C-alpha atoms as a PDB file:
ATOM      1  CA  MET A   1     -22.996 -21.698  -3.861  1.00  0.00           C
ATOM      2  CA  ALA A   2     -19.709 -21.835  -2.013  1.00  0.00           C
ATOM      3  CA  VAL A   3     -20.968 -24.174   0.758  1.00  0.00           C
ATOM      4  CA  GLN A   4     -22.033 -26.637  -1.729  1.00  0.00           C
ATOM      5  CA  VAL A   5     -18.588 -26.535  -3.294  1.00  0.00           C
ATOM      6  CA  ALA A   6     -16.961 -27.096   0.169  1.00  0.00           C
ATOM      7  CA  LEU A   7     -19.193 -30.086   0.837  1.00  0.00           C
ATOM      8  CA  ALA A   8     -18.194 -31.491  -2.489  1.00  0.00           C
ATOM      9  CA  GLY A   9     -14.472 -31.294  -1.190  1.00  0.00           C
ATOM     10  CA  ASP A  10     -13.290 -28.381  -3.284  1.00  0.00           C
ATOM     11  CA  TRP A  11     -11.754 -26.326  -0.524  1.00  0.00           C
ATOM     12  CA  HIS A  12     -10.055 -23.976  -2.986  1.00  0.00           C
ATOM     13  CA  GLY A  13     -12.972 -23.354  -5.028  1.00  0.00           C
ATOM     14  CA  ALA A  14     -15.140 -22.663  -2.010  1.00  0.00           C
ATOM     15  CA  HIS A  15     -12.472 -20.299  -0.671  1.00  0.00           C
ATOM     16  CA  GLN A  16     -12.361 -18.418  -3.914  1.00  0.00           C
ATOM     17  CA  ILE A  17     -16.034 -17.828  -3.724  1.00  0.00           C
ATOM     18  CA  ALA A  18     -16.058 -16.865  -0.079  1.00  0.00           C
ATOM     19  CA  GLN A  19     -13.441 -14.317  -0.566  1.00  0.00           C
ATOM     20  CA  LYS A  20     -15.755 -12.326  -2.738  1.00  0.00           C
ATOM     21  CA  TYR A  21     -18.178 -11.654  -0.028  1.00  0.00           C
ATOM     22  CA  HIS A  22     -17.982  -9.654   3.232  1.00  0.00           C
ATOM     23  CA  ASP A  23     -21.215 -10.454   5.285  1.00  0.00           C
ATOM     24  CA  PRO A  24     -21.439 -12.552   8.496  1.00  0.00           C
ATOM     25  CA  ILE A  25     -22.445 -15.581   6.677  1.00  0.00           C
ATOM     26  CA  ALA A  26     -19.565 -15.450   4.190  1.00  0.00           C
ATOM     27  CA  SER A  27     -17.262 -14.768   7.202  1.00  0.00           C
ATOM     28  CA  TRP A  28     -18.628 -17.871   8.840  1.00  0.00           C
ATOM     29  CA  LEU A  29     -18.086 -19.891   5.808  1.00  0.00           C
ATOM     30  CA  HIS A  30     -14.529 -18.480   5.570  1.00  0.00           C
ATOM     31  CA  ALA A  31     -13.825 -19.362   9.209  1.00  0.00           C
ATOM     32  CA  VAL A  32     -14.948 -22.987   8.517  1.00  0.00           C
ATOM     33  CA  LEU A  33     -12.853 -23.233   5.425  1.00  0.00           C
ATOM     34  CA  HIS A  34      -9.715 -22.131   7.399  1.00  0.00           C
ATOM     35  CA  LYS A  35     -10.727 -24.526  10.235  1.00  0.00           C
ATOM     36  CA  MET A  36     -10.746 -27.352   7.567  1.00  0.00           C
ATOM     37  CA  GLU A  37      -7.374 -26.123   6.199  1.00  0.00           C
ATOM     38  CA  GLY A  38      -5.964 -26.344   9.784  1.00  0.00           C
ATOM     39  CA  ASP A  39      -5.160 -22.593   9.977  1.00  0.00           C
ATOM     40  CA  VAL A  40      -6.581 -21.961  13.485  1.00  0.00           C
ATOM     41  CA  GLY A  41      -5.376 -18.307  13.840  1.00  0.00           C
ATOM     42  CA  ASN A  42      -7.091 -17.310  10.529  1.00  0.00           C
ATOM     43  CA  SER A  43     -10.259 -19.163  11.310  1.00  0.00           C
ATOM     44  CA  HIS A  44     -10.612 -17.307  14.621  1.00  0.00           C
ATOM     45  CA  TYR A  45      -9.995 -14.107  12.785  1.00  0.00           C
ATOM     46  CA  TRP A  46     -13.009 -14.952  10.455  1.00  0.00           C
ATOM     47  CA  TYR A  47     -15.114 -16.271  13.337  1.00  0.00           C
ATOM     48  CA  ALA A  48     -14.816 -12.761  15.028  1.00  0.00           C
ATOM     49  CA  LYS A  49     -16.608 -11.251  11.925  1.00  0.00           C
ATOM     50  CA  THR A  50     -19.482 -13.427  12.228  1.00  0.00           C
ATOM     51  CA  SER A  51     -22.635 -12.772  14.244  1.00  0.00           C
ATOM     52  CA  GLY A  52     -21.783 -14.771  17.306  1.00  0.00           C
ATOM     53  CA  LYS A  53     -20.307 -17.893  15.907  1.00  0.00           C
ATOM     54  CA  SER A  54     -17.281 -19.670  17.464  1.00  0.00           C
ATOM     55  CA  TYR A  55     -14.547 -21.969  16.628  1.00  0.00           C
ATOM     56  CA  ALA A  56     -15.454 -24.415  19.366  1.00  0.00           C
ATOM     57  CA  GLN A  57     -19.227 -24.412  18.407  1.00  0.00           C
ATOM     58  CA  PHE A  58     -18.821 -27.342  16.119  1.00  0.00           C
ATOM     59  CA  ALA A  59     -16.277 -30.253  16.312  1.00  0.00           C
ATOM     60  CA  ASP A  60     -16.940 -31.372  12.856  1.00  0.00           C
ATOM     61  CA  ALA A  61     -16.478 -28.926   9.915  1.00  0.00           C
ATOM     62  CA  ARG A  62     -18.868 -30.864   7.657  1.00  0.00           C
ATOM     63  CA  GLU A  63     -21.502 -30.725  10.260  1.00  0.00           C
ATOM     64  CA  GLU A  64     -20.800 -27.057  10.551  1.00  0.00           C
ATOM     65  CA  LEU A  65     -21.186 -26.568   6.615  1.00  0.00           C
ATOM     66  CA  GLN A  66     -24.502 -28.298   6.913  1.00  0.00           C
ATOM     67  CA  ALA A  67     -25.615 -25.817   9.566  1.00  0.00           C
ATOM     68  CA  ILE A  68     -24.676 -23.013   7.227  1.00  0.00           C
ATOM     69  CA  VAL A  69     -26.878 -24.702   4.535  1.00  0.00           C
ATOM     70  CA  ARG A  70     -29.750 -24.924   7.056  1.00  0.00           C
ATOM     71  CA  HIS A  71     -29.227 -21.248   8.031  1.00  0.00           C
ATOM     72  CA  LEU A  72     -29.449 -20.150   4.368  1.00  0.00           C
ATOM     73  CA  GLU A  73     -32.523 -22.143   3.647  1.00  0.00           C
ATOM     74  CA  ARG A  74     -34.567 -20.177   6.387  1.00  0.00           C
END
């Protein structure tokens, strides 16, 4: 799972996985990955493809990744 890869600190690996998917959750992950990278513009682009998520919703990227995990576990 790409989120687990990101939580393990492998930004590149997680990004490679995220690029293969085009649903709102993958877009959310993609947005967080670009937030972690410091690419604010690209992050905002991916947040726009999510279902109502926003750049400012989480200050901490790791916390946001955990929120994605919780969402997937539902």
